[in-house]
Amino acid sequence: MKQIVVSYPKGSDVLNAYWGFLANGGLVLDGQKDLEEGDAVTVEVTIMSSQQRYAFEGHVVRGTKRRPDLADRAIIAFAPGQPHDLLLSAAWAETDNVPPRAYPRVATDVT
């Protein structure tokens, strides 16, 4: 499993890198090399302005080796059950100047 550490200066930068087209969310990471599609990764994300850290597991859905036109850009999909909503909440809260969500949302299936 490859480890990736990435930091963003502020919450709006996280929102720009967030990839919401994936079922469990993900990130577009610039400056990454040697990532192939399917690689298992752990990603540690830090928002520097608030000093908040988040750790995620996932896999690469678009790598850098097979796509020379994208150079150093990879797309990471978060594994199911990862707390990506807390990362989004913190980024939105900082951007909108409101308090972030304290607990993750829990999916329920009730009638």
PDB file of N, CA and C in Angstrom:
ATOM      1  N   MET A   1       0.857  -1.176   0.000  1.00  0.00           N
ATOM      2  CA  MET A   1       0.000   0.000   0.000  1.00  0.00           C
ATOM      3  C   MET A   1       0.899   1.233   0.000  1.00  0.00           C
ATOM      4  N   LYS A   2       0.651   2.137  -0.925  1.00  0.00           N
ATOM      5  CA  LYS A   2       1.445   3.356  -1.023  1.00  0.00           C
ATOM      6  C   LYS A   2       0.863   4.425  -0.113  1.00  0.00           C
ATOM      7  N   GLN A   3       1.749   5.202   0.494  1.00  0.00           N
ATOM      8  CA  GLN A   3       1.317   6.280   1.382  1.00  0.00           C
ATOM      9  C   GLN A   3       1.526   7.618   0.687  1.00  0.00           C
ATOM     10  N   ILE A   4       0.488   8.444   0.732  1.00  0.00           N
ATOM     11  CA  ILE A   4       0.539   9.768   0.117  1.00  0.00           C
ATOM     12  C   ILE A   4       0.191  10.785   1.188  1.00  0.00           C
ATOM     13  N   VAL A   5       1.004  11.811   1.310  1.00  0.00           N
ATOM     14  CA  VAL A   5       0.749  12.910   2.238  1.00  0.00           C
ATOM     15  C   VAL A   5       0.558  14.163   1.398  1.00  0.00           C
ATOM     16  N   VAL A   6      -0.574  14.815   1.580  1.00  0.00           N
ATOM     17  CA  VAL A   6      -0.868  16.018   0.812  1.00  0.00           C
ATOM     18  C   VAL A   6      -1.412  17.080   1.760  1.00  0.00           C
ATOM     19  N   SER A   7      -1.035  18.326   1.517  1.00  0.00           N
ATOM     20  CA  SER A   7      -1.558  19.422   2.338  1.00  0.00           C
ATOM     21  C   SER A   7      -2.083  20.517   1.420  1.00  0.00           C
ATOM     22  N   TYR A   8      -3.119  21.153   1.895  1.00  0.00           N
ATOM     23  CA  TYR A   8      -3.745  22.251   1.168  1.00  0.00           C
ATOM     24  C   TYR A   8      -3.690  23.494   2.035  1.00  0.00           C
ATOM     25  N   PRO A   9      -3.376  24.640   1.461  1.00  0.00           N
ATOM     26  CA  PRO A   9      -3.274  25.867   2.260  1.00  0.00           C
ATOM     27  C   PRO A   9      -4.582  26.242   2.959  1.00  0.00           C
ATOM     28  N   LYS A  10      -5.721  26.047   2.269  1.00  0.00           N
ATOM     29  CA  LYS A  10      -7.011  26.422   2.864  1.00  0.00           C
ATOM     30  C   LYS A  10      -8.115  25.509   2.349  1.00  0.00           C
ATOM     31  N   GLY A  11      -9.272  25.627   2.965  1.00  0.00           N
ATOM     32  CA  GLY A  11     -10.397  24.755   2.644  1.00  0.00           C
ATOM     33  C   GLY A  11     -10.862  24.845   1.210  1.00  0.00           C
ATOM     34  N   SER A  12     -10.812  26.026   0.611  1.00  0.00           N
ATOM     35  CA  SER A  12     -11.259  26.168  -0.773  1.00  0.00           C
ATOM     36  C   SER A  12     -10.371  25.362  -1.728  1.00  0.00           C
ATOM     37  N   ASP A  13      -9.105  25.176  -1.375  1.00  0.00           N
ATOM     38  CA  ASP A  13      -8.218  24.355  -2.201  1.00  0.00           C
ATOM     39  C   ASP A  13      -8.620  22.881  -2.135  1.00  0.00           C
ATOM     40  N   VAL A  14      -9.100  22.442  -0.974  1.00  0.00           N
ATOM     41  CA  VAL A  14      -9.601  21.071  -0.844  1.00  0.00           C
ATOM     42  C   VAL A  14     -10.833  20.892  -1.725  1.00  0.00           C
ATOM     43  N   LEU A  15     -11.724  21.868  -1.705  1.00  0.00           N
ATOM     44  CA  LEU A  15     -12.935  21.784  -2.524  1.00  0.00           C
ATOM     45  C   LEU A  15     -12.594  21.737  -4.010  1.00  0.00           C
ATOM     46  N   ASN A  16     -11.552  22.447  -4.416  1.00  0.00           N
ATOM     47  CA  ASN A  16     -11.133  22.418  -5.818  1.00  0.00           C
ATOM     48  C   ASN A  16     -10.561  21.055  -6.209  1.00  0.00           C
ATOM     49  N   ALA A  17      -9.957  20.347  -5.261  1.00  0.00           N
ATOM     50  CA  ALA A  17      -9.336  19.051  -5.544  1.00  0.00           C
ATOM     51  C   ALA A  17     -10.293  17.880  -5.320  1.00  0.00           C
ATOM     52  N   TYR A  18     -11.422  18.109  -4.667  1.00  0.00           N
ATOM     53  CA  TYR A  18     -12.343  17.017  -4.357  1.00  0.00           C
ATOM     54  C   TYR A  18     -13.006  16.512  -5.642  1.00  0.00           C
ATOM     55  N   TRP A  19     -13.106  15.208  -5.774  1.00  0.00           N
ATOM     56  CA  TRP A  19     -13.711  14.590  -6.949  1.00  0.00           C
ATOM     57  C   TRP A  19     -15.015  13.943  -6.511  1.00  0.00           C
ATOM     58  N   GLY A  20     -16.118  14.629  -6.724  1.00  0.00           N
ATOM     59  CA  GLY A  20     -17.415  14.173  -6.249  1.00  0.00           C
ATOM     60  C   GLY A  20     -18.145  13.228  -7.167  1.00  0.00           C
ATOM     61  N   PHE A  21     -17.574  12.913  -8.328  1.00  0.00           N
ATOM     62  CA  PHE A  21     -18.240  12.021  -9.267  1.00  0.00           C
ATOM     63  C   PHE A  21     -18.102  10.554  -8.878  1.00  0.00           C
ATOM     64  N   LEU A  22     -17.319  10.277  -7.858  1.00  0.00           N
ATOM     65  CA  LEU A  22     -17.131   8.907  -7.386  1.00  0.00           C
ATOM     66  C   LEU A  22     -18.116   8.619  -6.260  1.00  0.00           C
ATOM     67  N   ALA A  23     -18.581   7.398  -6.150  1.00  0.00           N
ATOM     68  CA  ALA A  23     -19.597   7.039  -5.160  1.00  0.00           C
ATOM     69  C   ALA A  23     -19.171   7.373  -3.738  1.00  0.00           C
ATOM     70  N   ASN A  24     -17.919   7.148  -3.407  1.00  0.00           N
ATOM     71  CA  ASN A  24     -17.434   7.409  -2.053  1.00  0.00           C
ATOM     72  C   ASN A  24     -16.515   8.616  -1.988  1.00  0.00           C
ATOM     73  N   GLY A  25     -16.514   9.426  -3.024  1.00  0.00           N
ATOM     74  CA  GLY A  25     -15.672  10.614  -3.061  1.00  0.00           C
ATOM     75  C   GLY A  25     -14.238  10.274  -3.417  1.00  0.00           C
ATOM     76  N   GLY A  26     -13.460  11.317  -3.634  1.00  0.00           N
ATOM     77  CA  GLY A  26     -12.061  11.128  -3.972  1.00  0.00           C
ATOM     78  C   GLY A  26     -11.368  12.460  -4.131  1.00  0.00           C
ATOM     79  N   LEU A  27     -10.103  12.408  -4.480  1.00  0.00           N
ATOM     80  CA  LEU A  27      -9.301  13.611  -4.662  1.00  0.00           C
ATOM     81  C   LEU A  27      -8.512  13.535  -5.953  1.00  0.00           C
ATOM     82  N   VAL A  28      -8.362  14.685  -6.595  1.00  0.00           N
ATOM     83  CA  VAL A  28      -7.442  14.826  -7.707  1.00  0.00           C
ATOM     84  C   VAL A  28      -6.141  15.322  -7.099  1.00  0.00           C
ATOM     85  N   LEU A  29      -5.082  14.553  -7.273  1.00  0.00           N
ATOM     86  CA  LEU A  29      -3.801  14.892  -6.673  1.00  0.00           C
ATOM     87  C   LEU A  29      -2.802  15.274  -7.743  1.00  0.00           C
ATOM     88  N   ASP A  30      -2.271  16.475  -7.649  1.00  0.00           N
ATOM     89  CA  ASP A  30      -1.219  16.925  -8.544  1.00  0.00           C
ATOM     90  C   ASP A  30       0.133  16.609  -7.926  1.00  0.00           C
ATOM     91  N   GLY A  31       1.139  16.486  -8.763  1.00  0.00           N
ATOM     92  CA  GLY A  31       2.489  16.263  -8.280  1.00  0.00           C
ATOM     93  C   GLY A  31       2.773  14.841  -7.873  1.00  0.00           C
ATOM     94  N   GLN A  32       1.954  13.896  -8.314  1.00  0.00           N
ATOM     95  CA  GLN A  32       2.160  12.483  -7.976  1.00  0.00           C
ATOM     96  C   GLN A  32       2.776  11.769  -9.162  1.00  0.00           C
ATOM     97  N   LYS A  33       3.706  10.910  -8.897  1.00  0.00           N
ATOM     98  CA  LYS A  33       4.349  10.132  -9.948  1.00  0.00           C
ATOM     99  C   LYS A  33       4.263   8.652  -9.600  1.00  0.00           C
ATOM    100  N   ASP A  34       4.345   7.824 -10.597  1.00  0.00           N
ATOM    101  CA  ASP A  34       4.418   6.370 -10.429  1.00  0.00           C
ATOM    102  C   ASP A  34       3.194   5.769  -9.747  1.00  0.00           C
ATOM    103  N   LEU A  35       2.029   6.304 -10.008  1.00  0.00           N
ATOM    104  CA  LEU A  35       0.800   5.695  -9.509  1.00  0.00           C
ATOM    105  C   LEU A  35       0.096   5.024 -10.675  1.00  0.00           C
ATOM    106  N   GLU A  36      -0.249   3.768 -10.488  1.00  0.00           N
ATOM    107  CA  GLU A  36      -0.953   3.026 -11.519  1.00  0.00           C
ATOM    108  C   GLU A  36      -2.392   2.795 -11.089  1.00  0.00           C
ATOM    109  N   GLU A  37      -3.275   2.666 -12.055  1.00  0.00           N
ATOM    110  CA  GLU A  37      -4.670   2.379 -11.755  1.00  0.00           C
ATOM    111  C   GLU A  37      -4.752   1.098 -10.946  1.00  0.00           C
ATOM    112  N   GLY A  38      -5.528   1.150  -9.878  1.00  0.00           N
ATOM    113  CA  GLY A  38      -5.708  -0.010  -9.026  1.00  0.00           C
ATOM    114  C   GLY A  38      -4.788  -0.053  -7.821  1.00  0.00           C
ATOM    115  N   ASP A  39      -3.755   0.798  -7.779  1.00  0.00           N
ATOM    116  CA  ASP A  39      -2.858   0.829  -6.615  1.00  0.00           C
ATOM    117  C   ASP A  39      -3.640   1.161  -5.354  1.00  0.00           C
ATOM    118  N   ALA A  40      -3.434   0.392  -4.299  1.00  0.00           N
ATOM    119  CA  ALA A  40      -4.030   0.704  -2.996  1.00  0.00           C
ATOM    120  C   ALA A  40      -3.182   1.795  -2.343  1.00  0.00           C
ATOM    121  N   VAL A  41      -3.849   2.796  -1.771  1.00  0.00           N
ATOM    122  CA  VAL A  41      -3.135   3.925  -1.167  1.00  0.00           C
ATOM    123  C   VAL A  41      -3.769   4.307   0.163  1.00  0.00           C
ATOM    124  N   THR A  42      -2.957   4.931   0.998  1.00  0.00           N
ATOM    125  CA  THR A  42      -3.461   5.661   2.155  1.00  0.00           C
ATOM    126  C   THR A  42      -3.104   7.115   1.905  1.00  0.00           C
ATOM    127  N   VAL A  43      -4.057   7.985   2.156  1.00  0.00           N
ATOM    128  CA  VAL A  43      -3.870   9.412   1.898  1.00  0.00           C
ATOM    129  C   VAL A  43      -4.069  10.164   3.198  1.00  0.00           C
ATOM    130  N   GLU A  44      -3.083  10.961   3.581  1.00  0.00           N
ATOM    131  CA  GLU A  44      -3.214  11.847   4.732  1.00  0.00           C
ATOM    132  C   GLU A  44      -3.355  13.266   4.198  1.00  0.00           C
ATOM    133  N   VAL A  45      -4.498  13.882   4.492  1.00  0.00           N
ATOM    134  CA  VAL A  45      -4.809  15.220   3.998  1.00  0.00           C
ATOM    135  C   VAL A  45      -4.762  16.201   5.165  1.00  0.00           C
ATOM    136  N   THR A  46      -4.062  17.301   4.976  1.00  0.00           N
ATOM    137  CA  THR A  46      -3.993  18.352   5.990  1.00  0.00           C
ATOM    138  C   THR A  46      -4.485  19.658   5.388  1.00  0.00           C
ATOM    139  N   ILE A  47      -5.375  20.333   6.123  1.00  0.00           N
ATOM    140  CA  ILE A  47      -5.771  21.693   5.769  1.00  0.00           C
ATOM    141  C   ILE A  47      -4.920  22.609   6.648  1.00  0.00           C
ATOM    142  N   MET A  48      -3.958  23.284   6.048  1.00  0.00           N
ATOM    143  CA  MET A  48      -2.952  24.034   6.799  1.00  0.00           C
ATOM    144  C   MET A  48      -3.544  25.186   7.612  1.00  0.00           C
ATOM    145  N   SER A  49      -4.524  25.885   7.075  1.00  0.00           N
ATOM    146  CA  SER A  49      -5.066  27.050   7.773  1.00  0.00           C
ATOM    147  C   SER A  49      -5.749  26.693   9.081  1.00  0.00           C
ATOM    148  N   SER A  50      -6.320  25.500   9.162  1.00  0.00           N
ATOM    149  CA  SER A  50      -7.005  25.082  10.396  1.00  0.00           C
ATOM    150  C   SER A  50      -6.255  23.960  11.114  1.00  0.00           C
ATOM    151  N   GLN A  51      -5.163  23.483  10.522  1.00  0.00           N
ATOM    152  CA  GLN A  51      -4.352  22.400  11.096  1.00  0.00           C
ATOM    153  C   GLN A  51      -5.163  21.134  11.360  1.00  0.00           C
ATOM    154  N   GLN A  52      -6.129  20.850  10.496  1.00  0.00           N
ATOM    155  CA  GLN A  52      -6.924  19.636  10.626  1.00  0.00           C
ATOM    156  C   GLN A  52      -6.351  18.568   9.709  1.00  0.00           C
ATOM    157  N   ARG A  53      -6.282  17.332  10.237  1.00  0.00           N
ATOM    158  CA  ARG A  53      -5.727  16.205   9.481  1.00  0.00           C
ATOM    159  C   ARG A  53      -6.776  15.107   9.332  1.00  0.00           C
ATOM    160  N   TYR A  54      -6.769  14.502   8.165  1.00  0.00           N
ATOM    161  CA  TYR A  54      -7.693  13.414   7.867  1.00  0.00           C
ATOM    162  C   TYR A  54      -6.916  12.306   7.169  1.00  0.00           C
ATOM    163  N   ALA A  55      -7.225  11.074   7.503  1.00  0.00           N
ATOM    164  CA  ALA A  55      -6.571   9.924   6.887  1.00  0.00           C
ATOM    165  C   ALA A  55      -7.618   9.067   6.184  1.00  0.00           C
ATOM    166  N   PHE A  56      -7.293   8.648   4.983  1.00  0.00           N
ATOM    167  CA  PHE A  56      -8.215   7.867   4.169  1.00  0.00           C
ATOM    168  C   PHE A  56      -7.487   6.692   3.536  1.00  0.00           C
ATOM    169  N   GLU A  57      -8.241   5.656   3.269  1.00  0.00           N
ATOM    170  CA  GLU A  57      -7.754   4.552   2.450  1.00  0.00           C
ATOM    171  C   GLU A  57      -8.519   4.589   1.145  1.00  0.00           C
ATOM    172  N   GLY A  58      -7.903   4.107   0.103  1.00  0.00           N
ATOM    173  CA  GLY A  58      -8.569   4.091  -1.187  1.00  0.00           C
ATOM    174  C   GLY A  58      -7.704   3.433  -2.234  1.00  0.00           C
ATOM    175  N   HIS A  59      -8.020   3.750  -3.484  1.00  0.00           N
ATOM    176  CA  HIS A  59      -7.239   3.217  -4.590  1.00  0.00           C
ATOM    177  C   HIS A  59      -7.205   4.231  -5.723  1.00  0.00           C
ATOM    178  N   VAL A  60      -6.251   4.051  -6.603  1.00  0.00           N
ATOM    179  CA  VAL A  60      -6.066   4.954  -7.736  1.00  0.00           C
ATOM    180  C   VAL A  60      -7.024   4.534  -8.847  1.00  0.00           C
ATOM    181  N   VAL A  61      -7.840   5.483  -9.329  1.00  0.00           N
ATOM    182  CA  VAL A  61      -8.746   5.181 -10.438  1.00  0.00           C
ATOM    183  C   VAL A  61      -8.221   5.750 -11.752  1.00  0.00           C
ATOM    184  N   ARG A  62      -7.348   6.737 -11.676  1.00  0.00           N
ATOM    185  CA  ARG A  62      -6.665   7.234 -12.862  1.00  0.00           C
ATOM    186  C   ARG A  62      -5.225   7.504 -12.473  1.00  0.00           C
ATOM    187  N   GLY A  63      -4.332   6.732 -13.029  1.00  0.00           N
ATOM    188  CA  GLY A  63      -2.930   6.827 -12.661  1.00  0.00           C
ATOM    189  C   GLY A  63      -2.150   7.772 -13.546  1.00  0.00           C
ATOM    190  N   THR A  64      -0.879   7.895 -13.236  1.00  0.00           N
ATOM    191  CA  THR A  64      -0.009   8.797 -13.987  1.00  0.00           C
ATOM    192  C   THR A  64       0.860   8.059 -14.993  1.00  0.00           C
ATOM    193  N   LYS A  65       1.057   6.766 -14.818  1.00  0.00           N
ATOM    194  CA  LYS A  65       1.948   6.038 -15.722  1.00  0.00           C
ATOM    195  C   LYS A  65       1.352   5.841 -17.111  1.00  0.00           C
ATOM    196  N   ARG A  66       0.065   5.509 -17.166  1.00  0.00           N
ATOM    197  CA  ARG A  66      -0.566   5.214 -18.453  1.00  0.00           C
ATOM    198  C   ARG A  66      -1.124   6.437 -19.145  1.00  0.00           C
ATOM    199  N   ARG A  67      -1.117   7.592 -18.470  1.00  0.00           N
ATOM    200  CA  ARG A  67      -1.676   8.817 -19.047  1.00  0.00           C
ATOM    201  C   ARG A  67      -0.627   9.912 -19.081  1.00  0.00           C
ATOM    202  N   PRO A  68       0.315   9.873 -20.040  1.00  0.00           N
ATOM    203  CA  PRO A  68       1.347  10.908 -20.082  1.00  0.00           C
ATOM    204  C   PRO A  68       0.785  12.300 -20.331  1.00  0.00           C
ATOM    205  N   ASP A  69      -0.422  12.390 -20.918  1.00  0.00           N
ATOM    206  CA  ASP A  69      -1.024  13.700 -21.158  1.00  0.00           C
ATOM    207  C   ASP A  69      -1.439  14.382 -19.859  1.00  0.00           C
ATOM    208  N   LEU A  70      -1.635  13.610 -18.792  1.00  0.00           N
ATOM    209  CA  LEU A  70      -2.007  14.186 -17.500  1.00  0.00           C
ATOM    210  C   LEU A  70      -0.792  14.433 -16.619  1.00  0.00           C
ATOM    211  N   ALA A  71       0.379  14.037 -17.077  1.00  0.00           N
ATOM    212  CA  ALA A  71       1.657  14.274 -16.385  1.00  0.00           C
ATOM    213  C   ALA A  71       1.616  13.777 -14.955  1.00  0.00           C
ATOM    214  N   ASP A  72       1.512  14.688 -13.981  1.00  0.00           N
ATOM    215  CA  ASP A  72       1.636  14.330 -12.572  1.00  0.00           C
ATOM    216  C   ASP A  72       0.292  14.266 -11.851  1.00  0.00           C
ATOM    217  N   ARG A  73      -0.793  14.101 -12.549  1.00  0.00           N
ATOM    218  CA  ARG A  73      -2.117  14.149 -11.929  1.00  0.00           C
ATOM    219  C   ARG A  73      -2.716  12.755 -11.814  1.00  0.00           C
ATOM    220  N   ALA A  74      -3.165  12.428 -10.601  1.00  0.00           N
ATOM    221  CA  ALA A  74      -3.808  11.139 -10.353  1.00  0.00           C
ATOM    222  C   ALA A  74      -5.139  11.392  -9.651  1.00  0.00           C
ATOM    223  N   ILE A  75      -6.068  10.456  -9.798  1.00  0.00           N
ATOM    224  CA  ILE A  75      -7.345  10.546  -9.099  1.00  0.00           C
ATOM    225  C   ILE A  75      -7.444   9.360  -8.154  1.00  0.00           C
ATOM    226  N   ILE A  76      -7.684   9.676  -6.889  1.00  0.00           N
ATOM    227  CA  ILE A  76      -7.791   8.684  -5.832  1.00  0.00           C
ATOM    228  C   ILE A  76      -9.262   8.553  -5.447  1.00  0.00           C
ATOM    229  N   ALA A  77      -9.770   7.336  -5.410  1.00  0.00           N
ATOM    230  CA  ALA A  77     -11.130   7.073  -4.930  1.00  0.00           C
ATOM    231  C   ALA A  77     -11.040   6.569  -3.501  1.00  0.00           C
ATOM    232  N   PHE A  78     -11.827   7.150  -2.610  1.00  0.00           N
ATOM    233  CA  PHE A  78     -11.841   6.707  -1.221  1.00  0.00           C
ATOM    234  C   PHE A  78     -12.579   5.371  -1.118  1.00  0.00           C
ATOM    235  N   ALA A  79     -12.124   4.536  -0.209  1.00  0.00           N
ATOM    236  CA  ALA A  79     -12.774   3.250   0.040  1.00  0.00           C
ATOM    237  C   ALA A  79     -14.122   3.493   0.730  1.00  0.00           C
ATOM    238  N   PRO A  80     -15.073   2.580   0.570  1.00  0.00           N
ATOM    239  CA  PRO A  80     -16.363   2.728   1.251  1.00  0.00           C
ATOM    240  C   PRO A  80     -16.177   2.829   2.767  1.00  0.00           C
ATOM    241  N   GLY A  81     -16.949   3.709   3.364  1.00  0.00           N
ATOM    242  CA  GLY A  81     -16.902   3.873   4.819  1.00  0.00           C
ATOM    243  C   GLY A  81     -15.886   4.880   5.317  1.00  0.00           C
ATOM    244  N   GLN A  82     -15.102   5.482   4.420  1.00  0.00           N
ATOM    245  CA  GLN A  82     -14.124   6.479   4.844  1.00  0.00           C
ATOM    246  C   GLN A  82     -14.846   7.799   5.142  1.00  0.00           C
ATOM    247  N   PRO A  83     -14.375   8.548   6.130  1.00  0.00           N
ATOM    248  CA  PRO A  83     -15.090   9.764   6.568  1.00  0.00           C
ATOM    249  C   PRO A  83     -14.804  10.992   5.700  1.00  0.00           C
ATOM    250  N   HIS A  84     -15.004  10.854   4.389  1.00  0.00           N
ATOM    251  CA  HIS A  84     -14.726  11.981   3.502  1.00  0.00           C
ATOM    252  C   HIS A  84     -15.696  13.135   3.722  1.00  0.00           C
ATOM    253  N   ASP A  85     -16.871  12.853   4.305  1.00  0.00           N
ATOM    254  CA  ASP A  85     -17.817  13.932   4.575  1.00  0.00           C
ATOM    255  C   ASP A  85     -17.279  14.895   5.639  1.00  0.00           C
ATOM    256  N   LEU A  86     -16.437  14.405   6.556  1.00  0.00           N
ATOM    257  CA  LEU A  86     -15.831  15.300   7.549  1.00  0.00           C
ATOM    258  C   LEU A  86     -14.818  16.223   6.897  1.00  0.00           C
ATOM    259  N   LEU A  87     -14.069  15.713   5.922  1.00  0.00           N
ATOM    260  CA  LEU A  87     -13.134  16.555   5.174  1.00  0.00           C
ATOM    261  C   LEU A  87     -13.897  17.633   4.418  1.00  0.00           C
ATOM    262  N   LEU A  88     -14.960  17.240   3.746  1.00  0.00           N
ATOM    263  CA  LEU A  88     -15.767  18.219   3.012  1.00  0.00           C
ATOM    264  C   LEU A  88     -16.401  19.237   3.944  1.00  0.00           C
ATOM    265  N   SER A  89     -16.900  18.772   5.067  1.00  0.00           N
ATOM    266  CA  SER A  89     -17.523  19.671   6.036  1.00  0.00           C
ATOM    267  C   SER A  89     -16.524  20.704   6.545  1.00  0.00           C
ATOM    268  N   ALA A  90     -15.319  20.260   6.846  1.00  0.00           N
ATOM    269  CA  ALA A  90     -14.289  21.186   7.324  1.00  0.00           C
ATOM    270  C   ALA A  90     -13.919  22.196   6.242  1.00  0.00           C
ATOM    271  N   ALA A  91     -13.821  21.734   5.009  1.00  0.00           N
ATOM    272  CA  ALA A  91     -13.476  22.641   3.910  1.00  0.00           C
ATOM    273  C   ALA A  91     -14.586  23.655   3.668  1.00  0.00           C
ATOM    274  N   TRP A  92     -15.841  23.186   3.647  1.00  0.00           N
ATOM    275  CA  TRP A  92     -16.973  24.101   3.455  1.00  0.00           C
ATOM    276  C   TRP A  92     -17.074  25.084   4.620  1.00  0.00           C
ATOM    277  N   ALA A  93     -16.893  24.579   5.834  1.00  0.00           N
ATOM    278  CA  ALA A  93     -17.015  25.435   7.021  1.00  0.00           C
ATOM    279  C   ALA A  93     -15.988  26.552   6.988  1.00  0.00           C
ATOM    280  N   GLU A  94     -14.771  26.217   6.627  1.00  0.00           N
ATOM    281  CA  GLU A  94     -13.735  27.251   6.563  1.00  0.00           C
ATOM    282  C   GLU A  94     -14.029  28.258   5.461  1.00  0.00           C
ATOM    283  N   THR A  95     -14.508  27.765   4.331  1.00  0.00           N
ATOM    284  CA  THR A  95     -14.815  28.652   3.210  1.00  0.00           C
ATOM    285  C   THR A  95     -15.983  29.575   3.541  1.00  0.00           C
ATOM    286  N   ASP A  96     -17.001  29.037   4.243  1.00  0.00           N
ATOM    287  CA  ASP A  96     -18.190  29.823   4.581  1.00  0.00           C
ATOM    288  C   ASP A  96     -18.117  30.473   5.950  1.00  0.00           C
ATOM    289  N   ASN A  97     -17.013  30.249   6.674  1.00  0.00           N
ATOM    290  CA  ASN A  97     -16.811  30.833   7.996  1.00  0.00           C
ATOM    291  C   ASN A  97     -17.910  30.423   8.989  1.00  0.00           C
ATOM    292  N   VAL A  98     -18.171  29.118   9.042  1.00  0.00           N
ATOM    293  CA  VAL A  98     -19.130  28.542   9.986  1.00  0.00           C
ATOM    294  C   VAL A  98     -18.466  27.361  10.689  1.00  0.00           C
ATOM    295  N   PRO A  99     -19.015  26.875  11.813  1.00  0.00           N
ATOM    296  CA  PRO A  99     -18.399  25.714  12.471  1.00  0.00           C
ATOM    297  C   PRO A  99     -18.570  24.440  11.646  1.00  0.00           C
ATOM    298  N   PRO A 100     -17.560  23.559  11.649  1.00  0.00           N
ATOM    299  CA  PRO A 100     -17.674  22.309  10.891  1.00  0.00           C
ATOM    300  C   PRO A 100     -18.535  21.278  11.600  1.00  0.00           C
ATOM    301  N   ARG A 101     -18.971  20.284  10.855  1.00  0.00           N
ATOM    302  CA  ARG A 101     -19.724  19.165  11.410  1.00  0.00           C
ATOM    303  C   ARG A 101     -18.834  18.407  12.378  1.00  0.00           C
ATOM    304  N   ALA A 102     -19.367  18.032  13.513  1.00  0.00           N
ATOM    305  CA  ALA A 102     -18.562  17.356  14.536  1.00  0.00           C
ATOM    306  C   ALA A 102     -18.531  15.841  14.352  1.00  0.00           C
ATOM    307  N   TYR A 103     -19.566  15.270  13.760  1.00  0.00           N
ATOM    308  CA  TYR A 103     -19.660  13.820  13.625  1.00  0.00           C
ATOM    309  C   TYR A 103     -19.999  13.450  12.190  1.00  0.00           C
ATOM    310  N   PRO A 104     -19.564  12.278  11.736  1.00  0.00           N
ATOM    311  CA  PRO A 104     -19.890  11.868  10.366  1.00  0.00           C
ATOM    312  C   PRO A 104     -21.364  11.537  10.223  1.00  0.00           C
ATOM    313  N   ARG A 105     -21.863  11.672   9.008  1.00  0.00           N
ATOM    314  CA  ARG A 105     -23.222  11.252   8.730  1.00  0.00           C
ATOM    315  C   ARG A 105     -23.269   9.744   8.648  1.00  0.00           C
ATOM    316  N   VAL A 106     -24.361   9.182   9.091  1.00  0.00           N
ATOM    317  CA  VAL A 106     -24.519   7.736   9.089  1.00  0.00           C
ATOM    318  C   VAL A 106     -25.669   7.392   8.154  1.00  0.00           C
ATOM    319  N   ALA A 107     -25.415   6.503   7.204  1.00  0.00           N
ATOM    320  CA  ALA A 107     -26.460   6.086   6.274  1.00  0.00           C
ATOM    321  C   ALA A 107     -27.424   5.165   6.991  1.00  0.00           C
ATOM    322  N   THR A 108     -28.701   5.388   6.773  1.00  0.00           N
ATOM    323  CA  THR A 108     -29.724   4.520   7.348  1.00  0.00           C
ATOM    324  C   THR A 108     -30.674   4.068   6.269  1.00  0.00           C
ATOM    325  N   ASP A 109     -31.278   2.950   6.487  1.00  0.00           N
ATOM    326  CA  ASP A 109     -32.252   2.425   5.543  1.00  0.00           C
ATOM    327  C   ASP A 109     -33.484   2.011   6.344  1.00  0.00           C
ATOM    328  N   VAL A 110     -34.410   2.951   6.484  1.00  0.00           N
ATOM    329  CA  VAL A 110     -35.629   2.684   7.250  1.00  0.00           C
ATOM    330  C   VAL A 110     -36.830   3.053   6.410  1.00  0.00           C
ATOM    331  N   THR A 111     -37.957   2.458   6.752  1.00  0.00           N
ATOM    332  CA  THR A 111     -39.186   2.791   6.026  1.00  0.00           C
ATOM    333  C   THR A 111     -39.940   3.876   6.768  1.00  0.00           C
TER     334      THR A 111
END
